Amino acid sequence: MAVTTLDARTALIIVDLQKGLLAMPGLPPLGGLVRNAADLAAAFRRKGLPVVLVTVAGGAPGRTEQGRLPQALPPDWAELIPELNAQPGDHRVTKRTWGAFPHTDLDSHLKGQGVTQVVVVGVATGIGVESTAREAHALGYNVTLAVDAMADRDAAAHDHSVTRIFPRLGETGTTAEILSLLDGSA
């Protein structure tokens, strides 16, 4: 883990911490992930830095070999978990693809705020988090990933993303390391 610095205009992107996804079977215990994401959101807000809350409300068209989300989702499917303490100043993104950038206003919003770096957390590590991190990297953002604030139903996919992919996209670290950098004590 090698998180070294946070740019002056760093945004936090929280991917898919929503009721419908977190209620699906197969995810590991999420208490630590939820607490870490909430701590990061609170710290970013205290520093006046952007917080982006991403939810998924469907899937991209096209055939896949694995099952797709049901056509009719429960009414609270895309509601953010209350622990995030969503605030009116948070930017909300609703996506229909794995990553948070395609077909949304996220890039223009971040650039309009002068953001040069993003910290990405959420679920699933190998899908929504990794796709968002790849897209951010391709768009020229410095990328940091809080590996203790993400999870995946597939432990091998999580480990592959954390050990093989993320170090090629940016820097990885813990929530405590990122909070320390935010507080200027690192």
N, C-alpha and C. Protein backbone atom coordinates (compact mmCIF):
# COMPACT_ATOMS: atom_id res chain seq x y z
N MET A 1 0.84 -1.17 0.00
CA MET A 1 0.00 0.00 0.00
C MET A 1 0.89 1.23 0.00
N ALA A 2 0.55 2.16 -0.89
CA ALA A 2 1.49 3.25 -1.11
C ALA A 2 0.82 4.60 -1.32
N VAL A 3 -0.23 4.91 -0.58
CA VAL A 3 -0.84 6.22 -0.74
C VAL A 3 0.13 7.26 -0.19
N THR A 4 0.49 8.24 -1.04
CA THR A 4 1.52 9.20 -0.66
C THR A 4 1.01 10.61 -0.43
N THR A 5 0.01 11.01 -1.20
CA THR A 5 -0.45 12.40 -1.10
C THR A 5 -1.87 12.53 -1.62
N LEU A 6 -2.52 13.60 -1.22
CA LEU A 6 -3.82 13.97 -1.76
C LEU A 6 -3.69 15.36 -2.34
N ASP A 7 -4.17 15.54 -3.56
CA ASP A 7 -4.17 16.86 -4.18
C ASP A 7 -5.09 17.80 -3.40
N ALA A 8 -4.86 19.09 -3.58
CA ALA A 8 -5.67 20.09 -2.88
C ALA A 8 -7.16 19.95 -3.22
N ARG A 9 -7.47 19.55 -4.43
CA ARG A 9 -8.87 19.36 -4.84
C ARG A 9 -9.09 17.89 -5.16
N THR A 10 -9.27 17.11 -4.11
CA THR A 10 -9.55 15.68 -4.22
C THR A 10 -11.01 15.46 -3.89
N ALA A 11 -11.66 14.62 -4.68
CA ALA A 11 -13.06 14.26 -4.44
C ALA A 11 -13.15 12.81 -3.98
N LEU A 12 -14.14 12.53 -3.17
CA LEU A 12 -14.46 11.17 -2.75
C LEU A 12 -15.60 10.67 -3.62
N ILE A 13 -15.44 9.48 -4.22
CA ILE A 13 -16.50 8.85 -4.99
C ILE A 13 -16.89 7.56 -4.28
N ILE A 14 -18.14 7.51 -3.82
CA ILE A 14 -18.67 6.32 -3.14
C ILE A 14 -19.59 5.60 -4.11
N VAL A 15 -19.21 4.38 -4.47
CA VAL A 15 -19.89 3.63 -5.53
C VAL A 15 -20.86 2.59 -4.95
N ASP A 16 -22.12 2.75 -5.27
CA ASP A 16 -23.15 1.73 -5.10
C ASP A 16 -23.40 1.26 -3.67
N LEU A 17 -23.19 2.13 -2.69
CA LEU A 17 -23.55 1.76 -1.31
C LEU A 17 -25.02 2.11 -1.13
N GLN A 18 -25.84 1.24 -1.68
CA GLN A 18 -27.28 1.44 -1.74
C GLN A 18 -27.98 0.21 -1.21
N LYS A 19 -29.20 0.41 -0.76
CA LYS A 19 -29.96 -0.64 -0.09
C LYS A 19 -30.11 -1.91 -0.94
N GLY A 20 -30.47 -1.76 -2.19
CA GLY A 20 -30.72 -2.93 -3.03
C GLY A 20 -29.51 -3.82 -3.22
N LEU A 21 -28.39 -3.22 -3.52
CA LEU A 21 -27.18 -4.02 -3.74
C LEU A 21 -26.67 -4.64 -2.45
N LEU A 22 -26.70 -3.88 -1.37
CA LEU A 22 -26.16 -4.40 -0.12
C LEU A 22 -27.05 -5.47 0.49
N ALA A 23 -28.29 -5.57 0.03
CA ALA A 23 -29.19 -6.62 0.51
C ALA A 23 -29.02 -7.93 -0.26
N MET A 24 -28.27 -7.89 -1.35
CA MET A 24 -28.08 -9.09 -2.16
C MET A 24 -27.20 -10.09 -1.41
N PRO A 25 -27.48 -11.37 -1.58
CA PRO A 25 -26.68 -12.38 -0.88
C PRO A 25 -25.26 -12.46 -1.43
N GLY A 26 -24.36 -12.91 -0.56
CA GLY A 26 -23.01 -13.22 -1.00
C GLY A 26 -21.95 -12.21 -0.66
N LEU A 27 -22.32 -11.00 -0.25
CA LEU A 27 -21.31 -10.03 0.13
C LEU A 27 -20.74 -10.41 1.50
N PRO A 28 -19.46 -10.13 1.71
CA PRO A 28 -18.89 -10.38 3.04
C PRO A 28 -19.49 -9.40 4.04
N PRO A 29 -19.24 -9.57 5.34
CA PRO A 29 -19.73 -8.59 6.32
C PRO A 29 -19.27 -7.19 5.95
N LEU A 30 -20.19 -6.24 6.01
CA LEU A 30 -19.92 -4.90 5.49
C LEU A 30 -19.76 -3.82 6.55
N GLY A 31 -19.79 -4.20 7.83
CA GLY A 31 -19.72 -3.20 8.89
C GLY A 31 -18.52 -2.29 8.77
N GLY A 32 -17.34 -2.85 8.58
CA GLY A 32 -16.13 -2.05 8.45
C GLY A 32 -16.13 -1.19 7.21
N LEU A 33 -16.56 -1.74 6.10
CA LEU A 33 -16.64 -0.98 4.84
C LEU A 33 -17.56 0.22 5.00
N VAL A 34 -18.74 0.00 5.53
CA VAL A 34 -19.72 1.08 5.70
C VAL A 34 -19.18 2.16 6.64
N ARG A 35 -18.60 1.75 7.75
CA ARG A 35 -18.03 2.70 8.71
C ARG A 35 -16.90 3.51 8.07
N ASN A 36 -16.03 2.85 7.31
CA ASN A 36 -14.92 3.54 6.66
C ASN A 36 -15.41 4.52 5.60
N ALA A 37 -16.38 4.10 4.80
CA ALA A 37 -16.92 5.01 3.78
C ALA A 37 -17.58 6.22 4.44
N ALA A 38 -18.33 5.99 5.51
CA ALA A 38 -18.99 7.09 6.22
C ALA A 38 -17.96 8.02 6.84
N ASP A 39 -16.89 7.47 7.41
CA ASP A 39 -15.82 8.30 8.00
C ASP A 39 -15.15 9.15 6.93
N LEU A 40 -14.88 8.56 5.77
CA LEU A 40 -14.27 9.33 4.69
C LEU A 40 -15.21 10.44 4.22
N ALA A 41 -16.49 10.13 4.06
CA ALA A 41 -17.45 11.15 3.62
C ALA A 41 -17.50 12.31 4.61
N ALA A 42 -17.55 12.00 5.88
CA ALA A 42 -17.60 13.06 6.90
C ALA A 42 -16.34 13.91 6.86
N ALA A 43 -15.19 13.28 6.71
CA ALA A 43 -13.92 14.02 6.67
C ALA A 43 -13.82 14.89 5.43
N PHE A 44 -14.23 14.37 4.27
CA PHE A 44 -14.19 15.18 3.05
C PHE A 44 -15.12 16.39 3.19
N ARG A 45 -16.31 16.17 3.75
CA ARG A 45 -17.25 17.29 3.94
C ARG A 45 -16.66 18.33 4.89
N ARG A 46 -16.03 17.90 5.98
CA ARG A 46 -15.42 18.86 6.93
C ARG A 46 -14.36 19.71 6.25
N LYS A 47 -13.65 19.13 5.30
CA LYS A 47 -12.59 19.85 4.59
C LYS A 47 -13.13 20.65 3.40
N GLY A 48 -14.43 20.58 3.17
CA GLY A 48 -15.03 21.30 2.05
C GLY A 48 -14.69 20.69 0.70
N LEU A 49 -14.38 19.40 0.70
CA LEU A 49 -14.04 18.69 -0.54
C LEU A 49 -15.26 17.95 -1.07
N PRO A 50 -15.34 17.78 -2.39
CA PRO A 50 -16.51 17.15 -3.00
C PRO A 50 -16.69 15.68 -2.59
N VAL A 51 -17.95 15.34 -2.34
CA VAL A 51 -18.36 13.96 -2.09
C VAL A 51 -19.37 13.61 -3.18
N VAL A 52 -19.10 12.50 -3.87
CA VAL A 52 -19.96 12.02 -4.95
C VAL A 52 -20.58 10.70 -4.50
N LEU A 53 -21.90 10.63 -4.55
CA LEU A 53 -22.64 9.44 -4.16
C LEU A 53 -23.24 8.81 -5.41
N VAL A 54 -22.75 7.64 -5.75
CA VAL A 54 -23.14 6.96 -6.99
C VAL A 54 -24.08 5.81 -6.67
N THR A 55 -25.15 5.71 -7.44
CA THR A 55 -26.04 4.55 -7.34
C THR A 55 -26.25 3.98 -8.73
N VAL A 56 -26.59 2.71 -8.76
CA VAL A 56 -26.89 2.04 -10.03
C VAL A 56 -28.39 1.79 -10.06
N ALA A 57 -28.99 2.10 -11.20
CA ALA A 57 -30.45 1.97 -11.32
C ALA A 57 -30.85 1.07 -12.48
N GLY A 58 -29.96 0.21 -12.88
CA GLY A 58 -30.24 -0.69 -14.00
C GLY A 58 -28.94 -1.11 -14.62
N GLY A 59 -29.02 -1.75 -15.75
CA GLY A 59 -27.82 -2.23 -16.42
C GLY A 59 -27.74 -1.76 -17.85
N ALA A 60 -26.54 -1.83 -18.37
CA ALA A 60 -26.33 -1.49 -19.78
C ALA A 60 -27.01 -2.56 -20.64
N PRO A 61 -27.45 -2.17 -21.82
CA PRO A 61 -28.06 -3.18 -22.69
C PRO A 61 -26.99 -4.14 -23.22
N GLY A 62 -27.44 -5.22 -23.71
CA GLY A 62 -26.51 -6.18 -24.30
C GLY A 62 -26.57 -7.52 -23.59
N ARG A 63 -26.20 -8.54 -24.32
CA ARG A 63 -26.23 -9.89 -23.78
C ARG A 63 -25.00 -10.16 -22.92
N THR A 64 -25.19 -10.92 -21.87
CA THR A 64 -24.08 -11.38 -21.05
C THR A 64 -24.32 -12.85 -20.72
N GLU A 65 -23.26 -13.53 -20.34
CA GLU A 65 -23.39 -14.93 -19.95
C GLU A 65 -23.91 -15.08 -18.53
N GLN A 66 -23.71 -14.05 -17.71
CA GLN A 66 -24.21 -14.11 -16.35
C GLN A 66 -25.54 -13.39 -16.27
N GLY A 67 -26.28 -13.69 -15.24
CA GLY A 67 -27.60 -13.08 -15.07
C GLY A 67 -27.54 -11.56 -14.97
N ARG A 68 -28.62 -10.95 -15.29
CA ARG A 68 -28.75 -9.50 -15.23
C ARG A 68 -29.66 -9.12 -14.07
N LEU A 69 -29.66 -7.85 -13.73
CA LEU A 69 -30.59 -7.36 -12.72
C LEU A 69 -32.02 -7.59 -13.21
N PRO A 70 -32.94 -7.86 -12.30
CA PRO A 70 -34.34 -8.00 -12.73
C PRO A 70 -34.85 -6.69 -13.31
N GLN A 71 -35.80 -6.79 -14.22
CA GLN A 71 -36.37 -5.60 -14.85
C GLN A 71 -37.06 -4.70 -13.84
N ALA A 72 -37.81 -5.30 -12.93
CA ALA A 72 -38.52 -4.53 -11.91
C ALA A 72 -37.73 -4.61 -10.61
N LEU A 73 -37.12 -3.51 -10.24
CA LEU A 73 -36.33 -3.47 -9.01
C LEU A 73 -37.22 -2.99 -7.86
N PRO A 74 -36.92 -3.42 -6.62
CA PRO A 74 -37.72 -2.95 -5.49
C PRO A 74 -37.68 -1.42 -5.39
N PRO A 75 -38.70 -0.79 -4.82
CA PRO A 75 -38.77 0.67 -4.79
C PRO A 75 -37.59 1.33 -4.08
N ASP A 76 -37.01 0.67 -3.09
CA ASP A 76 -35.89 1.28 -2.38
C ASP A 76 -34.52 0.82 -2.89
N TRP A 77 -34.50 0.17 -4.04
CA TRP A 77 -33.28 -0.40 -4.61
C TRP A 77 -32.12 0.60 -4.63
N ALA A 78 -32.35 1.78 -5.14
CA ALA A 78 -31.27 2.75 -5.35
C ALA A 78 -31.12 3.75 -4.20
N GLU A 79 -31.85 3.53 -3.09
CA GLU A 79 -31.69 4.43 -1.95
C GLU A 79 -30.33 4.21 -1.30
N LEU A 80 -29.65 5.31 -1.03
CA LEU A 80 -28.36 5.23 -0.35
C LEU A 80 -28.56 4.71 1.06
N ILE A 81 -27.56 4.00 1.58
CA ILE A 81 -27.65 3.54 2.96
C ILE A 81 -27.58 4.77 3.87
N PRO A 82 -28.34 4.78 4.95
CA PRO A 82 -28.41 5.96 5.81
C PRO A 82 -27.08 6.32 6.47
N GLU A 83 -26.21 5.33 6.67
CA GLU A 83 -24.94 5.59 7.33
C GLU A 83 -24.07 6.60 6.59
N LEU A 84 -24.31 6.79 5.30
CA LEU A 84 -23.53 7.76 4.53
C LEU A 84 -23.91 9.20 4.87
N ASN A 85 -25.05 9.38 5.52
CA ASN A 85 -25.49 10.71 5.93
C ASN A 85 -25.45 11.70 4.75
N ALA A 86 -26.08 11.30 3.66
CA ALA A 86 -26.07 12.13 2.44
C ALA A 86 -26.48 13.56 2.76
N GLN A 87 -25.76 14.49 2.18
CA GLN A 87 -25.98 15.91 2.42
C GLN A 87 -26.43 16.60 1.12
N PRO A 88 -27.15 17.71 1.22
CA PRO A 88 -27.59 18.42 0.02
C PRO A 88 -26.44 18.83 -0.90
N GLY A 89 -25.27 19.10 -0.35
CA GLY A 89 -24.13 19.52 -1.17
C GLY A 89 -23.40 18.38 -1.86
N ASP A 90 -23.75 17.13 -1.53
CA ASP A 90 -23.12 15.99 -2.20
C ASP A 90 -23.63 15.92 -3.63
N HIS A 91 -22.77 15.52 -4.53
CA HIS A 91 -23.18 15.34 -5.93
C HIS A 91 -23.66 13.91 -6.10
N ARG A 92 -24.81 13.75 -6.70
CA ARG A 92 -25.38 12.41 -6.90
C ARG A 92 -25.30 12.03 -8.37
N VAL A 93 -24.93 10.79 -8.58
CA VAL A 93 -24.82 10.24 -9.93
C VAL A 93 -25.61 8.94 -9.96
N THR A 94 -26.49 8.82 -10.94
CA THR A 94 -27.20 7.57 -11.17
C THR A 94 -26.66 6.98 -12.45
N LYS A 95 -26.18 5.74 -12.37
CA LYS A 95 -25.55 5.12 -13.53
C LYS A 95 -26.33 3.88 -13.96
N ARG A 96 -26.08 3.49 -15.19
CA ARG A 96 -26.67 2.27 -15.74
C ARG A 96 -25.59 1.40 -16.38
N THR A 97 -24.37 1.70 -16.05
CA THR A 97 -23.22 0.90 -16.48
C THR A 97 -22.40 0.59 -15.24
N TRP A 98 -21.34 -0.18 -15.40
CA TRP A 98 -20.51 -0.52 -14.25
C TRP A 98 -19.84 0.69 -13.64
N GLY A 99 -19.29 1.55 -14.48
CA GLY A 99 -18.54 2.71 -14.00
C GLY A 99 -19.42 3.94 -13.87
N ALA A 100 -18.94 4.90 -13.08
CA ALA A 100 -19.72 6.10 -12.77
C ALA A 100 -19.56 7.22 -13.80
N PHE A 101 -18.64 7.10 -14.76
CA PHE A 101 -18.41 8.19 -15.70
C PHE A 101 -19.23 8.14 -16.99
N PRO A 102 -19.38 6.99 -17.65
CA PRO A 102 -20.09 6.99 -18.94
C PRO A 102 -21.55 7.43 -18.80
N HIS A 103 -21.96 8.29 -19.70
CA HIS A 103 -23.35 8.73 -19.80
C HIS A 103 -23.85 9.44 -18.55
N THR A 104 -22.93 10.04 -17.77
CA THR A 104 -23.31 10.84 -16.61
C THR A 104 -22.57 12.17 -16.70
N ASP A 105 -22.87 13.07 -15.78
CA ASP A 105 -22.20 14.37 -15.74
C ASP A 105 -20.99 14.39 -14.80
N LEU A 106 -20.54 13.22 -14.36
CA LEU A 106 -19.51 13.18 -13.32
C LEU A 106 -18.22 13.87 -13.73
N ASP A 107 -17.70 13.59 -14.91
CA ASP A 107 -16.44 14.21 -15.33
C ASP A 107 -16.57 15.73 -15.41
N SER A 108 -17.62 16.22 -16.03
CA SER A 108 -17.78 17.68 -16.15
C SER A 108 -17.99 18.32 -14.78
N HIS A 109 -18.69 17.63 -13.90
CA HIS A 109 -18.89 18.16 -12.55
C HIS A 109 -17.56 18.27 -11.82
N LEU A 110 -16.77 17.21 -11.84
CA LEU A 110 -15.48 17.22 -11.15
C LEU A 110 -14.55 18.27 -11.73
N LYS A 111 -14.48 18.32 -13.04
CA LYS A 111 -13.60 19.31 -13.68
C LYS A 111 -14.07 20.73 -13.37
N GLY A 112 -15.37 20.93 -13.31
CA GLY A 112 -15.92 22.24 -12.95
C GLY A 112 -15.57 22.65 -11.53
N GLN A 113 -15.30 21.67 -10.68
CA GLN A 113 -14.91 21.92 -9.29
C GLN A 113 -13.39 22.00 -9.13
N GLY A 114 -12.66 21.82 -10.24
CA GLY A 114 -11.21 21.86 -10.17
C GLY A 114 -10.58 20.61 -9.58
N VAL A 115 -11.31 19.52 -9.57
CA VAL A 115 -10.81 18.26 -8.99
C VAL A 115 -9.74 17.66 -9.89
N THR A 116 -8.62 17.25 -9.26
CA THR A 116 -7.53 16.59 -9.98
C THR A 116 -7.27 15.17 -9.47
N GLN A 117 -7.90 14.81 -8.36
CA GLN A 117 -7.69 13.49 -7.78
C GLN A 117 -9.01 12.97 -7.24
N VAL A 118 -9.19 11.65 -7.29
CA VAL A 118 -10.37 11.02 -6.72
C VAL A 118 -9.95 9.88 -5.81
N VAL A 119 -10.69 9.72 -4.71
CA VAL A 119 -10.59 8.56 -3.85
C VAL A 119 -11.85 7.76 -4.11
N VAL A 120 -11.69 6.48 -4.47
CA VAL A 120 -12.82 5.66 -4.86
C VAL A 120 -13.01 4.53 -3.85
N VAL A 121 -14.26 4.35 -3.41
CA VAL A 121 -14.63 3.29 -2.47
C VAL A 121 -15.98 2.72 -2.88
N GLY A 122 -16.37 1.57 -2.31
CA GLY A 122 -17.71 1.04 -2.53
C GLY A 122 -17.74 -0.42 -2.89
N VAL A 123 -18.79 -0.80 -3.61
CA VAL A 123 -19.00 -2.17 -4.07
C VAL A 123 -19.37 -2.12 -5.56
N ALA A 124 -19.15 -3.15 -6.23
CA ALA A 124 -18.28 -4.27 -5.94
C ALA A 124 -16.88 -3.92 -6.43
N THR A 125 -15.89 -4.38 -5.68
CA THR A 125 -14.50 -4.04 -5.98
C THR A 125 -14.16 -4.27 -7.44
N GLY A 126 -14.47 -5.46 -7.95
CA GLY A 126 -14.08 -5.83 -9.31
C GLY A 126 -15.01 -5.35 -10.39
N ILE A 127 -16.07 -4.65 -10.02
CA ILE A 127 -17.03 -4.17 -11.03
C ILE A 127 -17.15 -2.65 -10.94
N GLY A 128 -18.02 -2.15 -10.07
CA GLY A 128 -18.26 -0.71 -10.00
C GLY A 128 -17.05 0.10 -9.58
N VAL A 129 -16.32 -0.38 -8.57
CA VAL A 129 -15.16 0.37 -8.08
C VAL A 129 -14.06 0.35 -9.13
N GLU A 130 -13.72 -0.83 -9.63
CA GLU A 130 -12.64 -0.93 -10.61
C GLU A 130 -12.98 -0.17 -11.89
N SER A 131 -14.20 -0.30 -12.38
CA SER A 131 -14.58 0.41 -13.61
C SER A 131 -14.48 1.91 -13.42
N THR A 132 -14.96 2.41 -12.30
CA THR A 132 -14.89 3.85 -12.02
C THR A 132 -13.44 4.30 -11.92
N ALA A 133 -12.60 3.52 -11.26
CA ALA A 133 -11.18 3.86 -11.13
C ALA A 133 -10.49 3.84 -12.48
N ARG A 134 -10.78 2.86 -13.31
CA ARG A 134 -10.19 2.80 -14.66
C ARG A 134 -10.58 4.04 -15.47
N GLU A 135 -11.86 4.39 -15.41
CA GLU A 135 -12.34 5.55 -16.16
C GLU A 135 -11.71 6.83 -15.65
N ALA A 136 -11.60 6.98 -14.34
CA ALA A 136 -10.97 8.18 -13.76
C ALA A 136 -9.52 8.28 -14.22
N HIS A 137 -8.81 7.18 -14.18
CA HIS A 137 -7.42 7.16 -14.62
C HIS A 137 -7.32 7.55 -16.09
N ALA A 138 -8.19 6.98 -16.93
CA ALA A 138 -8.17 7.29 -18.36
C ALA A 138 -8.49 8.76 -18.63
N LEU A 139 -9.27 9.37 -17.75
CA LEU A 139 -9.62 10.79 -17.91
C LEU A 139 -8.57 11.73 -17.33
N GLY A 140 -7.51 11.17 -16.73
CA GLY A 140 -6.41 11.98 -16.26
C GLY A 140 -6.43 12.34 -14.78
N TYR A 141 -7.33 11.78 -14.01
CA TYR A 141 -7.35 12.04 -12.57
C TYR A 141 -6.28 11.19 -11.88
N ASN A 142 -5.70 11.71 -10.82
CA ASN A 142 -4.92 10.89 -9.91
C ASN A 142 -5.95 10.07 -9.14
N VAL A 143 -5.66 8.78 -8.97
CA VAL A 143 -6.63 7.87 -8.36
C VAL A 143 -6.04 7.27 -7.09
N THR A 144 -6.83 7.28 -6.04
CA THR A 144 -6.49 6.61 -4.79
C THR A 144 -7.65 5.70 -4.43
N LEU A 145 -7.33 4.51 -3.94
CA LEU A 145 -8.35 3.53 -3.60
C LEU A 145 -8.18 3.11 -2.15
N ALA A 146 -9.24 3.31 -1.36
CA ALA A 146 -9.24 2.90 0.04
C ALA A 146 -9.69 1.45 0.09
N VAL A 147 -8.72 0.54 0.18
CA VAL A 147 -9.02 -0.88 0.01
C VAL A 147 -9.82 -1.48 1.17
N ASP A 148 -9.86 -0.81 2.31
CA ASP A 148 -10.68 -1.30 3.41
C ASP A 148 -12.07 -0.68 3.41
N ALA A 149 -12.40 0.02 2.35
CA ALA A 149 -13.72 0.61 2.20
C ALA A 149 -14.37 0.11 0.91
N MET A 150 -14.07 -1.15 0.57
CA MET A 150 -14.66 -1.78 -0.61
C MET A 150 -14.80 -3.27 -0.36
N ALA A 151 -15.70 -3.88 -1.10
CA ALA A 151 -15.92 -5.32 -0.97
C ALA A 151 -16.49 -5.86 -2.27
N ASP A 152 -16.42 -7.19 -2.39
CA ASP A 152 -16.93 -7.88 -3.58
C ASP A 152 -17.47 -9.23 -3.13
N ARG A 153 -18.51 -9.70 -3.78
CA ARG A 153 -19.02 -11.04 -3.49
C ARG A 153 -17.99 -12.10 -3.82
N ASP A 154 -17.15 -11.81 -4.79
CA ASP A 154 -16.14 -12.75 -5.25
C ASP A 154 -14.79 -12.35 -4.65
N ALA A 155 -14.33 -13.09 -3.65
CA ALA A 155 -13.09 -12.76 -2.96
C ALA A 155 -11.91 -12.74 -3.92
N ALA A 156 -11.89 -13.64 -4.90
CA ALA A 156 -10.79 -13.67 -5.87
C ALA A 156 -10.81 -12.41 -6.74
N ALA A 157 -11.98 -11.95 -7.14
CA ALA A 157 -12.07 -10.72 -7.93
C ALA A 157 -11.59 -9.53 -7.11
N HIS A 158 -11.98 -9.46 -5.84
CA HIS A 158 -11.53 -8.39 -4.95
C HIS A 158 -10.00 -8.39 -4.87
N ASP A 159 -9.43 -9.57 -4.57
CA ASP A 159 -7.97 -9.66 -4.44
C ASP A 159 -7.26 -9.31 -5.74
N HIS A 160 -7.80 -9.75 -6.87
CA HIS A 160 -7.19 -9.44 -8.17
C HIS A 160 -7.18 -7.93 -8.41
N SER A 161 -8.30 -7.28 -8.15
CA SER A 161 -8.37 -5.83 -8.35
C SER A 161 -7.37 -5.11 -7.44
N VAL A 162 -7.36 -5.48 -6.16
CA VAL A 162 -6.52 -4.80 -5.18
C VAL A 162 -5.03 -5.02 -5.45
N THR A 163 -4.66 -6.25 -5.81
CA THR A 163 -3.23 -6.55 -5.94
C THR A 163 -2.69 -6.37 -7.35
N ARG A 164 -3.52 -6.55 -8.37
CA ARG A 164 -3.02 -6.52 -9.75
C ARG A 164 -3.41 -5.28 -10.53
N ILE A 165 -4.64 -4.82 -10.35
CA ILE A 165 -5.15 -3.73 -11.18
C ILE A 165 -4.94 -2.37 -10.52
N PHE A 166 -5.35 -2.21 -9.28
CA PHE A 166 -5.30 -0.90 -8.64
C PHE A 166 -3.90 -0.28 -8.61
N PRO A 167 -2.84 -1.04 -8.34
CA PRO A 167 -1.52 -0.41 -8.35
C PRO A 167 -1.13 0.16 -9.72
N ARG A 168 -1.78 -0.30 -10.78
CA ARG A 168 -1.52 0.23 -12.12
C ARG A 168 -2.37 1.46 -12.44
N LEU A 169 -3.41 1.68 -11.64
CA LEU A 169 -4.31 2.81 -11.86
C LEU A 169 -4.04 3.99 -10.94
N GLY A 170 -3.39 3.72 -9.83
CA GLY A 170 -3.16 4.80 -8.87
C GLY A 170 -2.48 4.26 -7.63
N GLU A 171 -2.87 4.81 -6.49
CA GLU A 171 -2.30 4.41 -5.22
C GLU A 171 -3.37 3.77 -4.36
N THR A 172 -2.97 2.79 -3.56
CA THR A 172 -3.89 2.14 -2.66
C THR A 172 -3.48 2.44 -1.23
N GLY A 173 -4.45 2.43 -0.35
CA GLY A 173 -4.17 2.66 1.06
C GLY A 173 -5.38 2.33 1.89
N THR A 174 -5.25 2.58 3.17
CA THR A 174 -6.34 2.33 4.10
C THR A 174 -7.09 3.63 4.36
N THR A 175 -8.26 3.48 4.92
CA THR A 175 -9.03 4.66 5.32
C THR A 175 -8.23 5.51 6.29
N ALA A 176 -7.58 4.88 7.27
CA ALA A 176 -6.80 5.63 8.25
C ALA A 176 -5.68 6.43 7.58
N GLU A 177 -5.02 5.84 6.60
CA GLU A 177 -3.95 6.57 5.88
C GLU A 177 -4.51 7.77 5.13
N ILE A 178 -5.64 7.59 4.50
CA ILE A 178 -6.24 8.70 3.74
C ILE A 178 -6.73 9.78 4.70
N LEU A 179 -7.35 9.39 5.80
CA LEU A 179 -7.79 10.39 6.79
C LEU A 179 -6.60 11.15 7.35
N SER A 180 -5.50 10.47 7.57
CA SER A 180 -4.29 11.13 8.07
C SER A 180 -3.77 12.16 7.07
N LEU A 181 -3.80 11.82 5.80
CA LEU A 181 -3.39 12.78 4.76
C LEU A 181 -4.36 13.97 4.71
N LEU A 182 -5.65 13.70 4.84
CA LEU A 182 -6.65 14.78 4.84
C LEU A 182 -6.42 15.74 6.02
N ASP A 183 -6.06 15.16 7.16
CA ASP A 183 -5.85 15.98 8.35
C ASP A 183 -4.48 16.64 8.38
N GLY A 184 -3.62 16.30 7.39
CA GLY A 184 -2.30 16.90 7.33
C GLY A 184 -1.33 16.33 8.34
N SER A 185 -1.65 15.18 8.92
CA SER A 185 -0.76 14.62 9.94
C SER A 185 0.12 13.51 9.39
N ALA A 186 0.05 13.27 8.08
CA ALA A 186 0.89 12.21 7.50
C ALA A 186 2.20 12.78 7.00
